Amino acid sequence: MGKIESIRLAGLAAFDPEPATGAMSRHTPDLLEVLASGDPAAFATDSRERVVFWNRGAAALLGRRAEEAMGRHCHEVLGGRDVFGNRFCYANCPLAAMSRSGEVPRAFELRIPANGNGGDPTTVHVTVVRLPGPRADLFTLVHILHGVDERTRLTRALARLSPALHAVPAPEGEPAARPRPAEGQAPGVLTPREREVLGWMAAGLQNKEIAQKLELSLATVRNHIHNTLEKLEVHSKLEAVSLAFRNGWVDRGASAGGR
């Protein structure tokens, strides 16, 4: 499998050697294998807020090499601020505190200062996936990162508003356009088959296993996954699964027993 920057995949458990348990953690090697490619950019912290995983994508996006990050406290490496400029990353990380209390962190944006003097900060969209450990106080937080282009933010915002600003009322007797499902509701934009595939993804099955379960070809399963990612406006299966768990689209108990 090779190295992730300066560490091997097995090194992820170096600081918390106890094996993780649960539906998601049973497939941790698969998760790491996906992230090992560097796309998407990602890093992970242990329950003591130390960086235990840093892939090439994170190094390129954040301008910090793995050897600069590994083993250090996350706030020391990132020094992140929220979009208003307030300090977000500090000792006693709020994300770790939420995880300890059983809360699920929602996706957010973070501004990371340039590494060294000069340079503009990097704005990233962060999705957090919690991998449970053998005890409630032991866990790994995987941070999946996507760069945000600040220069096109206003353009994108106006594009999203444009349909509402120029909406034409439906003629009398015709149904109005269906609104986008609100957060927390079932993903009505997905077909029943796509929702089924999403459920098996959440259970930790790989594409080939999903194809066998549903008696579909591998190519058909890949098409369903591609369509699901597009409709949910996410970039990876990991983000889709995280979104599904956060919004209650899949049942954690059912997913744990999916095999």
Protein backbone atom coordinates (compact mmCIF):
# COMPACT_ATOMS: atom_id res chain seq x y z
CA MET A 1 0.00 0.00 0.00
CA GLY A 2 3.01 2.27 0.50
CA LYS A 3 3.48 5.23 2.76
CA ILE A 4 1.22 8.18 3.54
CA GLU A 5 3.84 10.94 3.49
CA SER A 6 6.21 9.80 6.24
CA ILE A 7 4.05 7.17 7.97
CA ARG A 8 2.54 3.82 7.06
CA LEU A 9 -1.16 3.17 7.37
CA ALA A 10 -0.51 0.98 10.37
CA GLY A 11 0.87 4.06 12.09
CA LEU A 12 -2.61 5.50 12.49
CA ALA A 13 -3.06 3.46 15.66
CA ALA A 14 0.34 4.41 17.07
CA PHE A 15 -1.06 6.77 19.70
CA ASP A 16 -4.29 4.90 20.52
CA PRO A 17 -3.30 1.26 19.98
CA GLU A 18 -6.63 -0.19 21.12
CA PRO A 19 -8.51 -1.55 18.08
CA ALA A 20 -11.61 0.45 17.15
CA THR A 21 -14.98 -1.21 17.08
CA GLY A 22 -18.33 -0.56 15.41
CA ALA A 23 -19.72 -0.56 11.88
CA MET A 24 -17.55 2.25 10.55
CA SER A 25 -14.36 1.25 12.38
CA ARG A 26 -14.53 -2.36 11.15
CA HIS A 27 -13.74 -0.91 7.74
CA THR A 28 -11.04 1.50 8.90
CA PRO A 29 -8.37 -0.13 6.64
CA ASP A 30 -10.68 0.50 3.67
CA LEU A 31 -11.15 4.11 4.79
CA LEU A 32 -7.41 4.62 5.12
CA GLU A 33 -6.79 2.98 1.78
CA VAL A 34 -9.17 5.45 0.14
CA LEU A 35 -7.51 8.41 1.86
CA ALA A 36 -3.98 7.14 1.21
CA SER A 37 -4.20 8.35 -2.39
CA GLY A 38 -4.34 11.93 -1.13
CA ASP A 39 -7.68 12.64 -2.79
CA PRO A 40 -9.63 13.90 -0.97
CA ALA A 41 -7.23 15.79 1.25
CA ALA A 42 -7.59 14.55 4.81
CA PHE A 43 -6.00 14.36 8.22
CA ALA A 44 -7.03 12.64 11.46
CA THR A 45 -6.66 13.34 15.16
CA ASP A 46 -6.90 11.01 18.13
CA SER A 47 -8.97 11.52 21.27
CA ARG A 48 -6.12 13.57 22.77
CA GLU A 49 -6.29 15.95 19.81
CA ARG A 50 -2.96 14.88 18.31
CA VAL A 51 -2.47 14.46 14.57
CA VAL A 52 -2.12 10.76 13.73
CA PHE A 53 -2.76 10.86 9.97
CA TRP A 54 -1.84 13.44 7.32
CA ASN A 55 -2.09 12.55 3.62
CA ARG A 56 -0.44 14.15 0.60
CA GLY A 57 -3.61 16.04 -0.27
CA ALA A 58 -3.58 17.76 3.14
CA ALA A 59 0.09 18.60 2.71
CA ALA A 60 -0.56 20.23 -0.69
CA LEU A 61 -3.76 22.04 0.34
CA LEU A 62 -2.56 23.35 3.71
CA GLY A 63 1.12 23.86 2.93
CA ARG A 64 2.30 21.69 5.83
CA ARG A 65 4.27 18.48 5.41
CA ALA A 66 3.39 15.33 7.36
CA GLU A 67 6.58 15.53 9.40
CA GLU A 68 5.53 19.02 10.53
CA ALA A 69 2.12 17.80 11.67
CA MET A 70 2.42 14.23 12.95
CA GLY A 71 2.24 13.83 16.72
CA ARG A 72 1.52 17.50 17.39
CA HIS A 73 -1.70 18.94 18.74
CA CYS A 74 -4.06 19.90 15.93
CA HIS A 75 -4.46 23.54 17.03
CA GLU A 76 -0.69 24.00 16.99
CA VAL A 77 -0.49 22.76 13.40
CA LEU A 78 -3.51 24.58 11.93
CA GLY A 79 -4.17 27.70 13.99
CA GLY A 80 -7.50 27.85 12.14
CA ARG A 81 -10.02 30.68 12.30
CA ASP A 82 -13.69 30.83 11.38
CA VAL A 83 -14.94 32.82 8.39
CA PHE A 84 -15.30 35.91 10.61
CA GLY A 85 -11.67 35.78 11.70
CA ASN A 86 -12.29 34.43 15.21
CA ARG A 87 -9.86 31.85 16.54
CA PHE A 88 -11.41 28.37 16.15
CA CYS A 89 -8.49 26.01 16.73
CA TYR A 90 -7.22 25.98 20.30
CA ALA A 91 -6.49 23.56 23.14
CA ASN A 92 -9.60 21.64 24.17
CA CYS A 93 -10.83 21.43 20.57
CA PRO A 94 -14.60 22.03 20.28
CA LEU A 95 -14.92 19.15 17.79
CA ALA A 96 -13.30 16.74 20.24
CA ALA A 97 -15.52 18.08 23.04
CA MET A 98 -18.62 17.50 20.89
CA SER A 99 -17.50 13.96 20.11
CA ARG A 100 -16.95 13.20 23.80
CA SER A 101 -20.50 14.35 24.58
CA GLY A 102 -22.00 12.30 21.74
CA GLU A 103 -22.76 15.25 19.45
CA VAL A 104 -22.10 14.96 15.71
CA PRO A 105 -20.08 17.87 14.29
CA ARG A 106 -21.61 19.43 11.19
CA ALA A 107 -19.57 20.44 8.16
CA PHE A 108 -18.03 23.89 8.40
CA GLU A 109 -15.52 26.23 6.78
CA LEU A 110 -12.15 27.06 8.27
CA ARG A 111 -9.42 29.53 7.33
CA ILE A 112 -5.89 28.22 7.78
CA PRO A 113 -3.08 30.82 7.91
CA ALA A 114 -0.16 30.43 5.54
CA ASN A 115 2.73 28.34 6.87
CA GLY A 116 5.41 30.90 7.61
CA ASN A 117 5.53 34.62 6.92
CA GLY A 118 3.41 36.12 4.15
CA GLY A 119 0.92 34.41 1.90
CA ASP A 120 -2.84 34.33 1.95
CA PRO A 121 -4.81 32.03 4.25
CA THR A 122 -6.40 28.92 2.78
CA THR A 123 -10.15 28.46 3.21
CA VAL A 124 -11.31 24.85 3.41
CA HIS A 125 -14.64 23.07 3.75
CA VAL A 126 -14.31 20.46 6.51
CA THR A 127 -16.38 17.30 6.94
CA VAL A 128 -15.69 15.31 10.12
CA VAL A 129 -16.14 11.53 10.36
CA ARG A 130 -15.87 10.00 13.83
CA LEU A 131 -14.36 6.51 14.14
CA PRO A 132 -15.29 5.07 17.55
CA GLY A 133 -12.85 3.22 19.78
CA PRO A 134 -13.34 0.47 22.37
CA ARG A 135 -14.39 3.06 24.95
CA ALA A 136 -16.53 6.18 24.61
CA ASP A 137 -13.53 8.41 25.36
CA LEU A 138 -11.35 6.82 22.66
CA PHE A 139 -12.02 7.82 19.08
CA THR A 140 -10.42 9.10 15.89
CA LEU A 141 -11.73 12.16 14.06
CA VAL A 142 -11.10 12.08 10.31
CA HIS A 143 -11.22 15.55 8.74
CA ILE A 144 -12.00 15.51 5.01
CA LEU A 145 -10.99 18.76 3.30
CA HIS A 146 -11.97 20.58 0.13
CA GLY A 147 -10.51 23.93 -0.86
CA VAL A 148 -12.89 26.88 -1.13
CA ASP A 149 -12.22 29.52 -3.79
CA GLU A 150 -13.04 32.79 -2.03
CA ARG A 151 -12.92 34.73 -5.31
CA THR A 152 -15.88 32.86 -6.75
CA ARG A 153 -17.91 32.63 -3.52
CA LEU A 154 -20.09 35.66 -4.37
CA THR A 155 -20.63 34.40 -7.91
CA ARG A 156 -21.77 31.02 -6.62
CA ALA A 157 -24.04 32.62 -4.02
CA LEU A 158 -25.70 34.81 -6.64
CA ALA A 159 -26.12 31.79 -8.92
CA ARG A 160 -27.92 29.92 -6.14
CA LEU A 161 -30.16 32.91 -5.46
CA SER A 162 -30.91 33.57 -9.12
CA PRO A 163 -33.74 31.01 -9.52
CA ALA A 164 -35.52 32.46 -6.48
CA LEU A 165 -35.02 36.05 -7.61
CA HIS A 166 -36.35 35.34 -11.07
CA ALA A 167 -38.93 32.71 -10.19
CA VAL A 168 -42.11 32.80 -12.24
CA PRO A 169 -45.26 31.59 -10.45
CA ALA A 170 -46.61 28.36 -11.87
CA PRO A 171 -49.74 28.77 -14.01
CA GLU A 172 -52.97 28.13 -12.16
CA GLY A 173 -53.70 24.44 -11.91
CA GLU A 174 -50.04 23.40 -12.37
CA PRO A 175 -47.95 22.16 -9.41
CA ALA A 176 -45.19 24.41 -8.15
CA ALA A 177 -41.56 23.32 -8.48
CA ARG A 178 -40.53 20.87 -5.78
CA PRO A 179 -38.28 22.56 -3.19
CA ARG A 180 -34.96 21.02 -2.24
CA PRO A 181 -35.33 18.75 0.82
CA ALA A 182 -34.51 20.49 4.09
CA GLU A 183 -31.59 19.29 6.15
CA GLY A 184 -32.60 16.35 8.31
CA GLN A 185 -35.30 15.13 5.93
CA ALA A 186 -35.01 11.99 3.84
CA PRO A 187 -33.14 12.61 0.55
CA GLY A 188 -36.18 12.70 -1.73
CA VAL A 189 -33.95 13.61 -4.66
CA LEU A 190 -32.55 10.07 -4.59
CA THR A 191 -34.28 7.16 -6.27
CA PRO A 192 -35.23 4.16 -4.11
CA ARG A 193 -32.30 2.20 -5.58
CA GLU A 194 -29.86 5.05 -4.86
CA ARG A 195 -31.10 5.21 -1.27
CA GLU A 196 -30.58 1.46 -1.01
CA VAL A 197 -27.03 1.75 -2.32
CA LEU A 198 -26.37 4.62 0.11
CA GLY A 199 -27.55 2.41 2.97
CA TRP A 200 -25.12 -0.36 2.03
CA MET A 201 -22.33 2.22 1.65
CA ALA A 202 -23.10 3.35 5.21
CA ALA A 203 -22.88 -0.30 6.33
CA GLY A 204 -19.29 -0.33 5.06
CA LEU A 205 -19.73 -2.52 1.97
CA GLN A 206 -17.48 -2.02 -1.03
CA ASN A 207 -18.85 -1.59 -4.57
CA LYS A 208 -18.39 -5.26 -5.45
CA GLU A 209 -20.18 -6.38 -2.27
CA ILE A 210 -23.07 -4.00 -2.94
CA ALA A 211 -23.38 -5.40 -6.46
CA GLN A 212 -23.61 -8.92 -5.05
CA LYS A 213 -26.17 -7.91 -2.42
CA LEU A 214 -28.44 -6.19 -4.95
CA GLU A 215 -27.70 -8.60 -7.81
CA LEU A 216 -26.51 -5.76 -10.03
CA SER A 217 -23.48 -5.35 -12.24
CA LEU A 218 -20.50 -3.50 -10.81
CA ALA A 219 -20.89 -0.80 -13.48
CA THR A 220 -24.52 -0.22 -12.47
CA VAL A 221 -23.53 0.19 -8.81
CA ARG A 222 -20.84 2.68 -9.80
CA ASN A 223 -23.40 4.66 -11.79
CA HIS A 224 -25.76 4.74 -8.79
CA ILE A 225 -22.94 5.98 -6.55
CA HIS A 226 -21.92 8.63 -9.08
CA ASN A 227 -25.50 9.90 -9.33
CA THR A 228 -25.87 9.88 -5.54
CA LEU A 229 -22.73 11.99 -5.03
CA GLU A 230 -23.90 14.50 -7.64
CA LYS A 231 -27.39 14.80 -6.16
CA LEU A 232 -26.09 15.21 -2.60
CA GLU A 233 -23.47 17.70 -3.85
CA VAL A 234 -20.56 15.90 -2.18
CA HIS A 235 -17.19 14.85 -3.52
CA SER A 236 -16.67 11.38 -2.09
CA LYS A 237 -18.42 8.32 -0.67
CA LEU A 238 -17.06 9.23 2.75
CA GLU A 239 -18.83 12.58 2.66
CA ALA A 240 -22.05 10.96 1.44
CA VAL A 241 -21.99 8.45 4.32
CA SER A 242 -21.17 11.18 6.85
CA LEU A 243 -24.04 13.29 5.52
CA ALA A 244 -26.40 10.33 5.69
CA PHE A 245 -25.53 9.60 9.33
CA ARG A 246 -25.74 13.27 10.37
CA ASN A 247 -29.19 13.68 8.85
CA GLY A 248 -30.57 10.33 9.95
CA TRP A 249 -31.09 9.03 6.41
CA VAL A 250 -29.67 5.66 7.47
CA ASP A 251 -30.11 3.87 10.78
CA ARG A 252 -26.86 3.36 12.69
CA GLY A 253 -28.11 0.16 14.28
CA ALA A 254 -29.21 -1.27 10.92
CA SER A 255 -25.88 -0.27 9.39
CA ALA A 256 -23.96 -2.01 12.13
CA GLY A 257 -25.75 -5.23 11.32
CA GLY A 258 -25.69 -4.72 7.56
CA ARG A 259 -23.47 -7.71 6.93
